[in-house]
Amino acid sequence: MYLCKMVENDVLALVNKGEMLPLMEEFYTIQGEGFHKGTAAYFIRVGGCDVGCHWCDVKESWNADTHPPTATETIISNAAKYSDTIVITGGEPLTWDMGPLTKGLKARNLQTHIETSGAYPLTGVWDWICLSPKKNKLPEGRIYDEAHELKMIIFNKHDFIFAEEQAAKTNKECILYLQPEWSVRDKMVPLIVDYVMKNPKWKVSLQTHKYLNIP
């Protein structure tokens, strides 16, 4: 029992340092959203999220304890076999220290992308940051200055107001996207199209991978 506890503590220490991560899944597919849609990419989905969006379509990612702690070097080696573009998503990947993961990926000359709510401090070295703020837990300040794209999920009309509030905090180079939440897309797409036509600083993002029936 004592030995098991020691092993558990050792694993926890490695997870806390980012040298192991609760890996939910990893897969090679086509990026379906935002600026890089249509690009082949290797996705690494890290478990753990306490933001709690009621419409989240990967709620099974929330509990990090249900996903096995996996050596970061193993994750890096797997990713390097498939693509030059690596997308880290979740869950909320910034729950964990992304430094060791991105350091290893960059050492192999791989492009590092992250999809994050920004609810925790930004760690890691990133070629592309997709910031998707959520009302339940707002982003940490610095990420607004670093984000390359802002992806606002539109579930109801009030989300347009929230989108504008968040856009006002981003850097001037940040690309602004409005994306319908999948379950209400038929209702929200016409509203988004009308909004973008009236406010052309925004662009429309769709979950094209779902239309293509791919992961």
N, C-alpha and C. Protein backbone atom coordinates (compact mmCIF):
# COMPACT_ATOMS: atom_id res chain seq x y z
N MET A 1 0.84 -1.21 0.00
CA MET A 1 0.00 0.00 0.00
C MET A 1 0.87 1.26 0.00
N TYR A 2 1.93 1.24 0.84
CA TYR A 2 2.82 2.39 0.93
C TYR A 2 3.52 2.65 -0.41
N LEU A 3 3.96 1.55 -1.07
CA LEU A 3 4.62 1.68 -2.36
C LEU A 3 3.67 2.26 -3.40
N CYS A 4 2.42 1.80 -3.39
CA CYS A 4 1.43 2.33 -4.33
C CYS A 4 1.23 3.83 -4.12
N LYS A 5 1.20 4.23 -2.85
CA LYS A 5 1.03 5.65 -2.55
C LYS A 5 2.21 6.46 -3.03
N MET A 6 3.41 5.89 -2.89
CA MET A 6 4.60 6.59 -3.37
C MET A 6 4.55 6.75 -4.88
N VAL A 7 4.12 5.71 -5.58
CA VAL A 7 4.01 5.77 -7.04
C VAL A 7 3.00 6.83 -7.45
N GLU A 8 1.85 6.85 -6.75
CA GLU A 8 0.82 7.84 -7.04
C GLU A 8 1.37 9.25 -6.85
N ASN A 9 2.11 9.46 -5.78
CA ASN A 9 2.66 10.78 -5.50
C ASN A 9 3.69 11.18 -6.55
N ASP A 10 4.49 10.22 -7.00
CA ASP A 10 5.49 10.49 -8.04
C ASP A 10 4.81 10.89 -9.35
N VAL A 11 3.75 10.18 -9.72
CA VAL A 11 3.01 10.49 -10.94
C VAL A 11 2.38 11.88 -10.84
N LEU A 12 1.77 12.17 -9.70
CA LEU A 12 1.15 13.48 -9.50
C LEU A 12 2.17 14.60 -9.63
N ALA A 13 3.36 14.37 -9.08
CA ALA A 13 4.41 15.38 -9.18
C ALA A 13 4.81 15.63 -10.63
N LEU A 14 4.88 14.56 -11.42
CA LEU A 14 5.23 14.68 -12.84
C LEU A 14 4.12 15.40 -13.62
N VAL A 15 2.88 15.09 -13.30
CA VAL A 15 1.74 15.77 -13.94
C VAL A 15 1.77 17.25 -13.61
N ASN A 16 2.02 17.58 -12.38
CA ASN A 16 2.06 18.98 -11.96
C ASN A 16 3.18 19.75 -12.63
N LYS A 17 4.22 19.05 -13.04
CA LYS A 17 5.33 19.70 -13.75
C LYS A 17 5.16 19.67 -15.25
N GLY A 18 4.11 19.02 -15.74
CA GLY A 18 3.88 18.93 -17.18
C GLY A 18 4.69 17.84 -17.86
N GLU A 19 5.37 17.00 -17.07
CA GLU A 19 6.17 15.93 -17.65
C GLU A 19 5.33 14.69 -17.92
N MET A 20 4.14 14.65 -17.36
CA MET A 20 3.10 13.71 -17.74
C MET A 20 1.82 14.52 -17.87
N LEU A 21 0.90 14.05 -18.71
CA LEU A 21 -0.36 14.76 -18.90
C LEU A 21 -1.50 13.75 -18.95
N PRO A 22 -2.68 14.13 -18.44
CA PRO A 22 -3.84 13.24 -18.54
C PRO A 22 -4.36 13.22 -19.97
N LEU A 23 -3.96 12.23 -20.72
CA LEU A 23 -4.26 12.16 -22.15
C LEU A 23 -5.61 11.49 -22.38
N MET A 24 -6.54 12.24 -22.96
CA MET A 24 -7.84 11.67 -23.28
C MET A 24 -7.80 10.94 -24.62
N GLU A 25 -7.28 11.61 -25.64
CA GLU A 25 -7.19 10.99 -26.96
C GLU A 25 -6.21 11.78 -27.81
N GLU A 26 -5.75 11.16 -28.87
CA GLU A 26 -4.88 11.80 -29.85
C GLU A 26 -5.23 11.21 -31.20
N PHE A 27 -5.29 12.07 -32.23
CA PHE A 27 -5.73 11.59 -33.53
C PHE A 27 -5.30 12.55 -34.63
N TYR A 28 -5.13 12.00 -35.81
CA TYR A 28 -4.74 12.76 -37.00
C TYR A 28 -5.98 13.01 -37.84
N THR A 29 -6.23 14.27 -38.16
CA THR A 29 -7.46 14.60 -38.88
C THR A 29 -7.27 15.92 -39.61
N ILE A 30 -8.39 16.54 -39.99
CA ILE A 30 -8.39 17.85 -40.63
C ILE A 30 -8.93 18.87 -39.63
N GLN A 31 -8.20 19.96 -39.47
CA GLN A 31 -8.70 21.04 -38.61
C GLN A 31 -10.00 21.57 -39.23
N GLY A 32 -11.05 21.59 -38.43
CA GLY A 32 -12.35 21.96 -38.96
C GLY A 32 -12.79 23.38 -38.68
N GLU A 33 -12.05 24.11 -37.84
CA GLU A 33 -12.54 25.40 -37.37
C GLU A 33 -11.51 26.50 -37.54
N GLY A 34 -12.01 27.73 -37.61
CA GLY A 34 -11.16 28.90 -37.53
C GLY A 34 -10.22 29.10 -38.72
N PHE A 35 -9.12 29.80 -38.45
CA PHE A 35 -8.21 30.24 -39.50
C PHE A 35 -7.58 29.08 -40.26
N HIS A 36 -7.28 27.97 -39.57
CA HIS A 36 -6.56 26.85 -40.19
C HIS A 36 -7.48 25.73 -40.66
N LYS A 37 -8.76 26.02 -40.80
CA LYS A 37 -9.68 24.97 -41.26
C LYS A 37 -9.20 24.42 -42.60
N GLY A 38 -9.35 23.10 -42.74
CA GLY A 38 -8.92 22.43 -43.96
C GLY A 38 -7.49 21.93 -43.91
N THR A 39 -6.77 22.25 -42.83
CA THR A 39 -5.37 21.86 -42.69
C THR A 39 -5.25 20.52 -41.97
N ALA A 40 -4.42 19.63 -42.48
CA ALA A 40 -4.15 18.38 -41.78
C ALA A 40 -3.41 18.69 -40.48
N ALA A 41 -3.84 18.06 -39.39
CA ALA A 41 -3.23 18.36 -38.09
C ALA A 41 -3.39 17.16 -37.17
N TYR A 42 -2.46 17.04 -36.24
CA TYR A 42 -2.51 16.01 -35.22
C TYR A 42 -3.04 16.64 -33.94
N PHE A 43 -4.13 16.11 -33.44
CA PHE A 43 -4.78 16.67 -32.26
C PHE A 43 -4.41 15.88 -31.01
N ILE A 44 -4.08 16.60 -29.97
CA ILE A 44 -3.82 16.02 -28.66
C ILE A 44 -4.86 16.60 -27.70
N ARG A 45 -5.78 15.76 -27.22
CA ARG A 45 -6.83 16.22 -26.32
C ARG A 45 -6.45 15.85 -24.89
N VAL A 46 -6.23 16.88 -24.10
CA VAL A 46 -5.81 16.70 -22.71
C VAL A 46 -7.03 16.77 -21.80
N GLY A 47 -7.12 15.83 -20.86
CA GLY A 47 -8.24 15.81 -19.93
C GLY A 47 -8.10 16.85 -18.84
N GLY A 48 -9.26 17.23 -18.29
CA GLY A 48 -9.30 18.18 -17.19
C GLY A 48 -9.88 19.52 -17.61
N CYS A 49 -11.04 19.88 -17.04
CA CYS A 49 -11.63 21.19 -17.30
C CYS A 49 -12.66 21.48 -16.22
N ASP A 50 -12.57 22.67 -15.64
CA ASP A 50 -13.57 23.07 -14.65
C ASP A 50 -14.34 24.31 -15.08
N VAL A 51 -14.30 24.61 -16.38
CA VAL A 51 -15.03 25.76 -16.90
C VAL A 51 -16.53 25.46 -16.96
N GLY A 52 -16.87 24.24 -17.38
CA GLY A 52 -18.24 23.75 -17.24
C GLY A 52 -19.28 24.32 -18.17
N CYS A 53 -18.98 24.45 -19.46
CA CYS A 53 -19.98 24.93 -20.42
C CYS A 53 -21.09 23.89 -20.56
N HIS A 54 -22.34 24.29 -20.39
CA HIS A 54 -23.44 23.32 -20.40
C HIS A 54 -23.62 22.67 -21.77
N TRP A 55 -23.16 23.35 -22.83
CA TRP A 55 -23.31 22.80 -24.18
C TRP A 55 -22.05 22.08 -24.68
N CYS A 56 -21.07 21.92 -23.84
CA CYS A 56 -19.82 21.26 -24.24
C CYS A 56 -20.09 19.89 -24.86
N ASP A 57 -19.44 19.62 -25.99
CA ASP A 57 -19.66 18.33 -26.66
C ASP A 57 -18.58 17.30 -26.33
N VAL A 58 -17.69 17.63 -25.39
CA VAL A 58 -16.71 16.65 -24.91
C VAL A 58 -16.67 16.69 -23.38
N LYS A 59 -17.82 16.56 -22.76
CA LYS A 59 -17.89 16.61 -21.30
C LYS A 59 -17.10 15.46 -20.65
N GLU A 60 -16.88 14.40 -21.42
CA GLU A 60 -16.09 13.29 -20.89
C GLU A 60 -14.64 13.68 -20.65
N SER A 61 -14.26 14.84 -21.14
CA SER A 61 -12.89 15.33 -20.92
C SER A 61 -12.74 16.03 -19.58
N TRP A 62 -13.83 16.37 -18.92
CA TRP A 62 -13.76 17.25 -17.75
C TRP A 62 -12.99 16.65 -16.59
N ASN A 63 -13.22 15.39 -16.30
CA ASN A 63 -12.59 14.76 -15.14
C ASN A 63 -11.23 14.19 -15.52
N ALA A 64 -10.19 14.87 -15.13
CA ALA A 64 -8.83 14.44 -15.49
C ALA A 64 -8.50 13.07 -14.94
N ASP A 65 -9.11 12.70 -13.83
CA ASP A 65 -8.79 11.43 -13.18
C ASP A 65 -9.20 10.22 -14.02
N THR A 66 -10.07 10.42 -14.99
CA THR A 66 -10.50 9.31 -15.83
C THR A 66 -9.60 9.10 -17.05
N HIS A 67 -8.57 9.92 -17.16
CA HIS A 67 -7.68 9.83 -18.32
C HIS A 67 -6.25 9.54 -17.83
N PRO A 68 -5.61 8.54 -18.41
CA PRO A 68 -4.34 8.06 -17.87
C PRO A 68 -3.21 9.07 -18.00
N PRO A 69 -2.49 9.33 -16.91
CA PRO A 69 -1.29 10.16 -17.02
C PRO A 69 -0.30 9.51 -17.98
N THR A 70 0.09 10.25 -18.98
CA THR A 70 0.95 9.73 -20.05
C THR A 70 2.20 10.58 -20.15
N ALA A 71 3.35 9.93 -20.29
CA ALA A 71 4.60 10.66 -20.38
C ALA A 71 4.56 11.64 -21.55
N THR A 72 4.92 12.88 -21.28
CA THR A 72 4.88 13.92 -22.31
C THR A 72 5.77 13.54 -23.49
N GLU A 73 6.90 12.92 -23.23
CA GLU A 73 7.79 12.52 -24.32
C GLU A 73 7.12 11.49 -25.22
N THR A 74 6.31 10.61 -24.66
CA THR A 74 5.57 9.65 -25.47
C THR A 74 4.57 10.36 -26.36
N ILE A 75 3.87 11.34 -25.81
CA ILE A 75 2.91 12.12 -26.59
C ILE A 75 3.61 12.83 -27.74
N ILE A 76 4.75 13.40 -27.47
CA ILE A 76 5.53 14.10 -28.50
C ILE A 76 5.96 13.14 -29.60
N SER A 77 6.47 11.98 -29.22
CA SER A 77 6.92 10.99 -30.21
C SER A 77 5.78 10.53 -31.10
N ASN A 78 4.61 10.31 -30.52
CA ASN A 78 3.44 9.92 -31.31
C ASN A 78 3.06 11.00 -32.31
N ALA A 79 3.03 12.25 -31.86
CA ALA A 79 2.62 13.36 -32.71
C ALA A 79 3.57 13.54 -33.89
N ALA A 80 4.86 13.36 -33.64
CA ALA A 80 5.86 13.61 -34.68
C ALA A 80 5.76 12.64 -35.86
N LYS A 81 5.06 11.54 -35.67
CA LYS A 81 4.91 10.56 -36.74
C LYS A 81 3.91 10.99 -37.80
N TYR A 82 3.07 11.96 -37.49
CA TYR A 82 1.92 12.21 -38.34
C TYR A 82 1.91 13.55 -39.07
N SER A 83 2.28 14.63 -38.40
CA SER A 83 2.02 15.95 -38.98
C SER A 83 3.00 16.98 -38.48
N ASP A 84 3.16 18.06 -39.26
CA ASP A 84 3.97 19.19 -38.83
C ASP A 84 3.17 20.15 -37.94
N THR A 85 1.84 20.01 -37.97
CA THR A 85 0.98 20.89 -37.19
C THR A 85 0.32 20.11 -36.07
N ILE A 86 0.58 20.54 -34.85
CA ILE A 86 0.07 19.85 -33.67
C ILE A 86 -0.88 20.79 -32.93
N VAL A 87 -2.10 20.32 -32.71
CA VAL A 87 -3.11 21.13 -32.03
C VAL A 87 -3.37 20.54 -30.64
N ILE A 88 -3.16 21.36 -29.61
CA ILE A 88 -3.42 20.94 -28.24
C ILE A 88 -4.78 21.49 -27.83
N THR A 89 -5.66 20.60 -27.41
CA THR A 89 -7.01 21.00 -27.05
C THR A 89 -7.43 20.25 -25.80
N GLY A 90 -8.70 20.36 -25.43
CA GLY A 90 -9.14 19.71 -24.21
C GLY A 90 -10.62 19.38 -24.25
N GLY A 91 -11.22 19.34 -23.06
CA GLY A 91 -10.72 19.87 -21.81
C GLY A 91 -10.21 21.30 -21.93
N GLU A 92 -9.51 21.69 -20.88
CA GLU A 92 -8.81 22.96 -20.88
C GLU A 92 -7.33 22.70 -20.68
N PRO A 93 -6.56 22.74 -21.78
CA PRO A 93 -5.15 22.34 -21.69
C PRO A 93 -4.31 23.20 -20.75
N LEU A 94 -4.68 24.47 -20.56
CA LEU A 94 -3.88 25.32 -19.68
C LEU A 94 -4.11 25.04 -18.21
N THR A 95 -4.95 24.06 -17.91
CA THR A 95 -5.01 23.54 -16.55
C THR A 95 -3.63 23.04 -16.13
N TRP A 96 -2.84 22.60 -17.12
CA TRP A 96 -1.54 21.98 -16.88
C TRP A 96 -0.43 22.84 -17.47
N ASP A 97 0.78 22.61 -17.03
CA ASP A 97 1.95 23.32 -17.55
C ASP A 97 2.26 22.77 -18.95
N MET A 98 2.09 23.61 -19.94
CA MET A 98 2.33 23.20 -21.32
C MET A 98 3.78 23.37 -21.76
N GLY A 99 4.62 23.88 -20.86
CA GLY A 99 6.02 24.13 -21.21
C GLY A 99 6.77 22.91 -21.73
N PRO A 100 6.80 21.80 -20.98
CA PRO A 100 7.54 20.62 -21.46
C PRO A 100 7.01 20.06 -22.78
N LEU A 101 5.70 20.09 -22.95
CA LEU A 101 5.12 19.57 -24.20
C LEU A 101 5.54 20.41 -25.39
N THR A 102 5.38 21.72 -25.29
CA THR A 102 5.72 22.56 -26.45
C THR A 102 7.23 22.62 -26.68
N LYS A 103 8.00 22.55 -25.63
CA LYS A 103 9.45 22.52 -25.80
C LYS A 103 9.87 21.30 -26.62
N GLY A 104 9.28 20.16 -26.29
CA GLY A 104 9.60 18.94 -27.02
C GLY A 104 9.11 18.96 -28.46
N LEU A 105 7.94 19.52 -28.67
CA LEU A 105 7.41 19.62 -30.03
C LEU A 105 8.24 20.58 -30.88
N LYS A 106 8.62 21.73 -30.31
CA LYS A 106 9.43 22.70 -31.05
C LYS A 106 10.81 22.13 -31.35
N ALA A 107 11.35 21.28 -30.46
CA ALA A 107 12.65 20.67 -30.69
C ALA A 107 12.62 19.78 -31.94
N ARG A 108 11.43 19.33 -32.30
CA ARG A 108 11.27 18.52 -33.51
C ARG A 108 10.75 19.35 -34.69
N ASN A 109 10.83 20.66 -34.54
CA ASN A 109 10.43 21.60 -35.60
C ASN A 109 8.96 21.46 -35.99
N LEU A 110 8.11 21.21 -34.98
CA LEU A 110 6.69 21.09 -35.21
C LEU A 110 5.98 22.39 -34.85
N GLN A 111 4.90 22.68 -35.56
CA GLN A 111 4.09 23.86 -35.29
C GLN A 111 3.15 23.58 -34.13
N THR A 112 3.15 24.45 -33.15
CA THR A 112 2.33 24.25 -31.96
C THR A 112 1.13 25.18 -31.96
N HIS A 113 -0.06 24.60 -31.94
CA HIS A 113 -1.30 25.36 -31.87
C HIS A 113 -2.04 24.96 -30.59
N ILE A 114 -2.75 25.90 -29.99
CA ILE A 114 -3.56 25.59 -28.82
C ILE A 114 -4.96 26.17 -28.99
N GLU A 115 -5.94 25.42 -28.52
CA GLU A 115 -7.32 25.88 -28.44
C GLU A 115 -7.66 25.94 -26.95
N THR A 116 -7.95 27.14 -26.45
CA THR A 116 -8.09 27.32 -25.01
C THR A 116 -9.12 28.38 -24.67
N SER A 117 -9.74 28.22 -23.50
CA SER A 117 -10.62 29.26 -22.98
C SER A 117 -9.82 30.37 -22.32
N GLY A 118 -8.54 30.11 -22.08
CA GLY A 118 -7.69 31.09 -21.42
C GLY A 118 -7.97 31.23 -19.93
N ALA A 119 -8.68 30.26 -19.36
CA ALA A 119 -9.09 30.35 -17.96
C ALA A 119 -7.93 30.23 -16.97
N TYR A 120 -6.78 29.74 -17.46
CA TYR A 120 -5.60 29.61 -16.61
C TYR A 120 -4.43 30.32 -17.28
N PRO A 121 -3.38 30.67 -16.54
CA PRO A 121 -2.26 31.40 -17.13
C PRO A 121 -1.65 30.67 -18.32
N LEU A 122 -1.23 31.45 -19.29
CA LEU A 122 -0.64 30.90 -20.51
C LEU A 122 0.74 30.33 -20.23
N THR A 123 0.93 29.06 -20.56
CA THR A 123 2.25 28.43 -20.48
C THR A 123 2.54 27.80 -21.84
N GLY A 124 3.80 27.55 -22.11
CA GLY A 124 4.18 26.95 -23.38
C GLY A 124 4.57 27.98 -24.42
N VAL A 125 5.12 27.49 -25.52
CA VAL A 125 5.54 28.33 -26.65
C VAL A 125 4.65 27.96 -27.83
N TRP A 126 3.95 28.95 -28.38
CA TRP A 126 2.89 28.67 -29.36
C TRP A 126 3.08 29.43 -30.66
N ASP A 127 2.88 28.71 -31.76
CA ASP A 127 2.85 29.36 -33.07
C ASP A 127 1.47 29.93 -33.37
N TRP A 128 0.43 29.35 -32.73
CA TRP A 128 -0.92 29.84 -32.97
C TRP A 128 -1.76 29.60 -31.72
N ILE A 129 -2.41 30.67 -31.26
CA ILE A 129 -3.28 30.60 -30.09
C ILE A 129 -4.69 30.94 -30.50
N CYS A 130 -5.59 29.97 -30.38
CA CYS A 130 -7.01 30.19 -30.58
C CYS A 130 -7.64 30.37 -29.20
N LEU A 131 -8.08 31.58 -28.92
CA LEU A 131 -8.70 31.89 -27.64
C LEU A 131 -10.22 31.85 -27.79
N SER A 132 -10.86 31.05 -26.95
CA SER A 132 -12.32 30.93 -27.00
C SER A 132 -12.87 31.13 -25.59
N PRO A 133 -13.07 32.39 -25.18
CA PRO A 133 -13.48 32.69 -23.81
C PRO A 133 -14.88 32.15 -23.48
N LYS A 134 -15.04 31.81 -22.21
CA LYS A 134 -16.33 31.34 -21.72
C LYS A 134 -16.77 32.20 -20.54
N LYS A 135 -18.08 32.42 -20.43
CA LYS A 135 -18.62 33.30 -19.39
C LYS A 135 -18.36 32.75 -17.99
N ASN A 136 -18.34 31.43 -17.86
CA ASN A 136 -18.22 30.81 -16.54
C ASN A 136 -16.89 31.10 -15.86
N LYS A 137 -15.84 31.28 -16.68
CA LYS A 137 -14.50 31.48 -16.12
C LYS A 137 -13.69 32.25 -17.16
N LEU A 138 -13.56 33.54 -16.96
CA LEU A 138 -12.98 34.42 -17.97
C LEU A 138 -11.47 34.21 -18.11
N PRO A 139 -10.92 34.60 -19.25
CA PRO A 139 -9.48 34.41 -19.48
C PRO A 139 -8.60 35.22 -18.54
N GLU A 140 -7.40 34.67 -18.31
CA GLU A 140 -6.35 35.42 -17.65
C GLU A 140 -5.88 36.52 -18.60
N GLY A 141 -5.56 37.68 -18.07
CA GLY A 141 -5.33 38.86 -18.89
C GLY A 141 -4.35 38.76 -20.03
N ARG A 142 -3.15 38.19 -19.80
CA ARG A 142 -2.08 38.26 -20.80
C ARG A 142 -2.44 37.59 -22.11
N ILE A 143 -3.30 36.60 -22.08
CA ILE A 143 -3.57 35.83 -23.29
C ILE A 143 -4.28 36.68 -24.34
N TYR A 144 -4.99 37.72 -23.92
CA TYR A 144 -5.64 38.60 -24.90
C TYR A 144 -4.59 39.25 -25.81
N ASP A 145 -3.43 39.56 -25.26
CA ASP A 145 -2.36 40.18 -26.05
C ASP A 145 -1.66 39.19 -26.97
N GLU A 146 -1.74 37.90 -26.62
CA GLU A 146 -1.01 36.87 -27.37
C GLU A 146 -1.87 36.16 -28.41
N ALA A 147 -3.18 36.22 -28.28
CA ALA A 147 -4.07 35.41 -29.13
C ALA A 147 -3.97 35.81 -30.60
N HIS A 148 -3.93 34.79 -31.46
CA HIS A 148 -3.95 35.02 -32.90
C HIS A 148 -5.37 35.04 -33.45
N GLU A 149 -6.24 34.27 -32.84
CA GLU A 149 -7.65 34.33 -33.23
C GLU A 149 -8.53 34.24 -31.98
N LEU A 150 -9.67 34.91 -32.07
CA LEU A 150 -10.68 34.87 -31.03
C LEU A 150 -11.88 34.13 -31.61
N LYS A 151 -12.24 33.02 -31.00
CA LYS A 151 -13.37 32.22 -31.48
C LYS A 151 -14.48 32.26 -30.44
N MET A 152 -15.55 32.97 -30.76
CA MET A 152 -16.67 33.12 -29.84
C MET A 152 -17.79 32.17 -30.25
N ILE A 153 -18.19 31.33 -29.31
CA ILE A 153 -19.28 30.38 -29.57
C ILE A 153 -20.60 31.08 -29.29
N ILE A 154 -21.48 31.03 -30.29
CA ILE A 154 -22.76 31.72 -30.19
C ILE A 154 -23.87 30.70 -29.96
N PHE A 155 -24.40 30.73 -28.75
CA PHE A 155 -25.49 29.83 -28.36
C PHE A 155 -26.82 30.57 -28.28
N ASN A 156 -26.76 31.85 -27.93
CA ASN A 156 -27.97 32.67 -27.86
C ASN A 156 -27.62 34.12 -28.22
N LYS A 157 -28.62 34.98 -28.27
CA LYS A 157 -28.41 36.35 -28.73
C LYS A 157 -27.49 37.13 -27.81
N HIS A 158 -27.53 36.86 -26.51
CA HIS A 158 -26.67 37.59 -25.59
C HIS A 158 -25.19 37.33 -25.87
N ASP A 159 -24.89 36.21 -26.51
CA ASP A 159 -23.49 35.88 -26.80
C ASP A 159 -22.85 36.87 -27.76
N PHE A 160 -23.65 37.57 -28.54
CA PHE A 160 -23.08 38.62 -29.41
C PHE A 160 -22.52 39.77 -28.55
N ILE A 161 -23.21 40.10 -27.47
CA ILE A 161 -22.73 41.14 -26.56
C ILE A 161 -21.44 40.69 -25.88
N PHE A 162 -21.43 39.45 -25.41
CA PHE A 162 -20.23 38.90 -24.79
C PHE A 162 -19.07 38.88 -25.78
N ALA A 163 -19.36 38.54 -27.03
CA ALA A 163 -18.32 38.49 -28.06
C ALA A 163 -17.68 39.87 -28.24
N GLU A 164 -18.48 40.90 -28.27
CA GLU A 164 -17.94 42.25 -28.44
C GLU A 164 -17.11 42.66 -27.23
N GLU A 165 -17.56 42.29 -26.04
CA GLU A 165 -16.80 42.60 -24.83
C GLU A 165 -15.43 41.95 -24.87
N GLN A 166 -15.37 40.71 -25.34
CA GLN A 166 -14.10 39.99 -25.40
C GLN A 166 -13.22 40.52 -26.54
N ALA A 167 -13.81 40.84 -27.66
CA ALA A 167 -13.05 41.36 -28.79
C ALA A 167 -12.35 42.68 -28.42
N ALA A 168 -13.00 43.48 -27.58
CA ALA A 168 -12.43 44.77 -27.18
C ALA A 168 -11.15 44.61 -26.37
N LYS A 169 -10.91 43.42 -25.84
CA LYS A 169 -9.73 43.17 -25.01
C LYS A 169 -8.56 42.59 -25.80
N THR A 170 -8.80 42.17 -27.03
CA THR A 170 -7.76 41.49 -27.79
C THR A 170 -6.82 42.48 -28.47
N ASN A 171 -5.69 41.95 -28.95
CA ASN A 171 -4.75 42.77 -29.69
C ASN A 171 -5.29 43.07 -31.09
N LYS A 172 -4.77 44.09 -31.73
CA LYS A 172 -5.33 44.58 -32.99
C LYS A 172 -5.13 43.61 -34.15
N GLU A 173 -4.19 42.65 -34.01
CA GLU A 173 -3.94 41.68 -35.08
C GLU A 173 -4.82 40.44 -34.95
N CYS A 174 -5.52 40.30 -33.85
CA CYS A 174 -6.30 39.10 -33.59
C CYS A 174 -7.47 38.99 -34.57
N ILE A 175 -7.63 37.83 -35.18
CA ILE A 175 -8.73 37.58 -36.12
C ILE A 175 -9.96 37.17 -35.33
N LEU A 176 -11.09 37.75 -35.66
CA LEU A 176 -12.31 37.57 -34.87
C LEU A 176 -13.29 36.65 -35.57
N TYR A 177 -13.71 35.59 -34.87
CA TYR A 177 -14.65 34.61 -35.43
C TYR A 177 -15.88 34.45 -34.54
N LEU A 178 -17.02 34.29 -35.19
CA LEU A 178 -18.26 33.89 -34.53
C LEU A 178 -18.61 32.50 -35.03
N GLN A 179 -18.84 31.59 -34.11
CA GLN A 179 -19.12 30.20 -34.49
C GLN A 179 -20.39 29.72 -33.79
N PRO A 180 -21.35 29.22 -34.54
CA PRO A 180 -22.57 28.73 -33.91
C PRO A 180 -22.32 27.47 -33.10
N GLU A 181 -22.91 27.41 -31.90
CA GLU A 181 -22.88 26.16 -31.15
C GLU A 181 -23.67 25.13 -31.95
N TRP A 182 -23.13 23.93 -32.06
CA TRP A 182 -23.63 22.94 -33.02
C TRP A 182 -25.11 22.62 -32.85
N SER A 183 -25.57 22.50 -31.62
CA SER A 183 -26.95 22.06 -31.39
C SER A 183 -27.98 23.11 -31.78
N VAL A 184 -27.56 24.37 -31.92
CA VAL A 184 -28.50 25.43 -32.30
C VAL A 184 -28.09 26.11 -33.61
N ARG A 185 -27.30 25.41 -34.41
CA ARG A 185 -26.75 26.02 -35.62
C ARG A 185 -27.83 26.49 -36.59
N ASP A 186 -28.92 25.73 -36.74
CA ASP A 186 -29.95 26.12 -37.69
C ASP A 186 -30.58 27.45 -37.31
N LYS A 187 -30.69 27.70 -36.00
CA LYS A 187 -31.28 28.95 -35.52
C LYS A 187 -30.27 30.09 -35.51
N MET A 188 -29.02 29.79 -35.17
CA MET A 188 -28.05 30.85 -34.96
C MET A 188 -27.29 31.26 -36.21
N VAL A 189 -27.14 30.36 -37.18
CA VAL A 189 -26.38 30.70 -38.39
C VAL A 189 -26.95 31.93 -39.10
N PRO A 190 -28.27 32.02 -39.33
CA PRO A 190 -28.78 33.23 -39.98
C PRO A 190 -28.49 34.50 -39.19
N LEU A 191 -28.54 34.42 -37.85
CA LEU A 191 -28.25 35.58 -37.03
C LEU A 191 -26.78 35.96 -37.12
N ILE A 192 -25.91 34.95 -37.16
CA ILE A 192 -24.48 35.21 -37.28
C ILE A 192 -24.15 35.83 -38.64
N VAL A 193 -24.73 35.28 -39.69
CA VAL A 193 -24.49 35.83 -41.03
C VAL A 193 -24.91 37.29 -41.09
N ASP A 194 -26.09 37.60 -40.57
CA ASP A 194 -26.57 38.98 -40.55
C ASP A 194 -25.65 39.87 -39.73
N TYR A 195 -25.18 39.36 -38.59
CA TYR A 195 -24.31 40.14 -37.71
C TYR A 195 -22.98 40.45 -38.38
N VAL A 196 -22.41 39.45 -39.03
CA VAL A 196 -21.11 39.64 -39.70
C VAL A 196 -21.23 40.62 -40.86
N MET A 197 -22.33 40.55 -41.57
CA MET A 197 -22.53 41.48 -42.69
C MET A 197 -22.66 42.92 -42.19
N LYS A 198 -23.20 43.08 -40.99
CA LYS A 198 -23.32 44.42 -40.41
C LYS A 198 -22.06 44.83 -39.66
N ASN A 199 -21.26 43.86 -39.27
CA ASN A 199 -20.05 44.11 -38.49
C ASN A 199 -18.89 43.31 -39.10
N PRO A 200 -18.37 43.76 -40.25
CA PRO A 200 -17.43 42.94 -41.03
C PRO A 200 -16.05 42.74 -40.41
N LYS A 201 -15.82 43.28 -39.21
CA LYS A 201 -14.56 42.93 -38.53
C LYS A 201 -14.59 41.46 -38.10
N TRP A 202 -15.79 40.89 -38.02
CA TRP A 202 -15.97 39.49 -37.66
C TRP A 202 -15.99 38.61 -38.90
N LYS A 203 -15.62 37.33 -38.71
CA LYS A 203 -15.75 36.31 -39.74
C LYS A 203 -16.60 35.17 -39.18
N VAL A 204 -17.17 34.37 -40.08
CA VAL A 204 -17.95 33.21 -39.67
C VAL A 204 -17.04 31.99 -39.60
N SER A 205 -17.12 31.25 -38.50
CA SER A 205 -16.45 29.96 -38.38
C SER A 205 -17.51 28.88 -38.22
N LEU A 206 -17.32 27.78 -38.92
CA LEU A 206 -18.22 26.63 -38.80
C LEU A 206 -17.42 25.40 -38.41
N GLN A 207 -18.07 24.46 -37.77
CA GLN A 207 -17.41 23.19 -37.43
C GLN A 207 -17.47 22.28 -38.65
N THR A 208 -16.62 22.59 -39.63
CA THR A 208 -16.69 21.88 -40.91
C THR A 208 -16.37 20.40 -40.77
N HIS A 209 -15.61 20.01 -39.75
CA HIS A 209 -15.30 18.60 -39.57
C HIS A 209 -16.57 17.79 -39.28
N LYS A 210 -17.56 18.42 -38.66
CA LYS A 210 -18.81 17.71 -38.38
C LYS A 210 -19.61 17.53 -39.66
N TYR A 211 -19.55 18.51 -40.56
CA TYR A 211 -20.21 18.35 -41.85
C TYR A 211 -19.51 17.27 -42.69
N LEU A 212 -18.19 17.16 -42.50
CA LEU A 212 -17.41 16.16 -43.24
C LEU A 212 -17.48 14.78 -42.58
N ASN A 213 -18.07 14.74 -41.37
CA ASN A 213 -18.20 13.49 -40.61
C ASN A 213 -16.84 12.86 -40.32
N ILE A 214 -15.94 13.72 -39.84
CA ILE A 214 -14.61 13.26 -39.40
C ILE A 214 -14.39 13.75 -37.97
N PRO A 215 -13.43 13.18 -37.24
CA PRO A 215 -13.18 13.61 -35.85
C PRO A 215 -12.82 15.08 -35.74
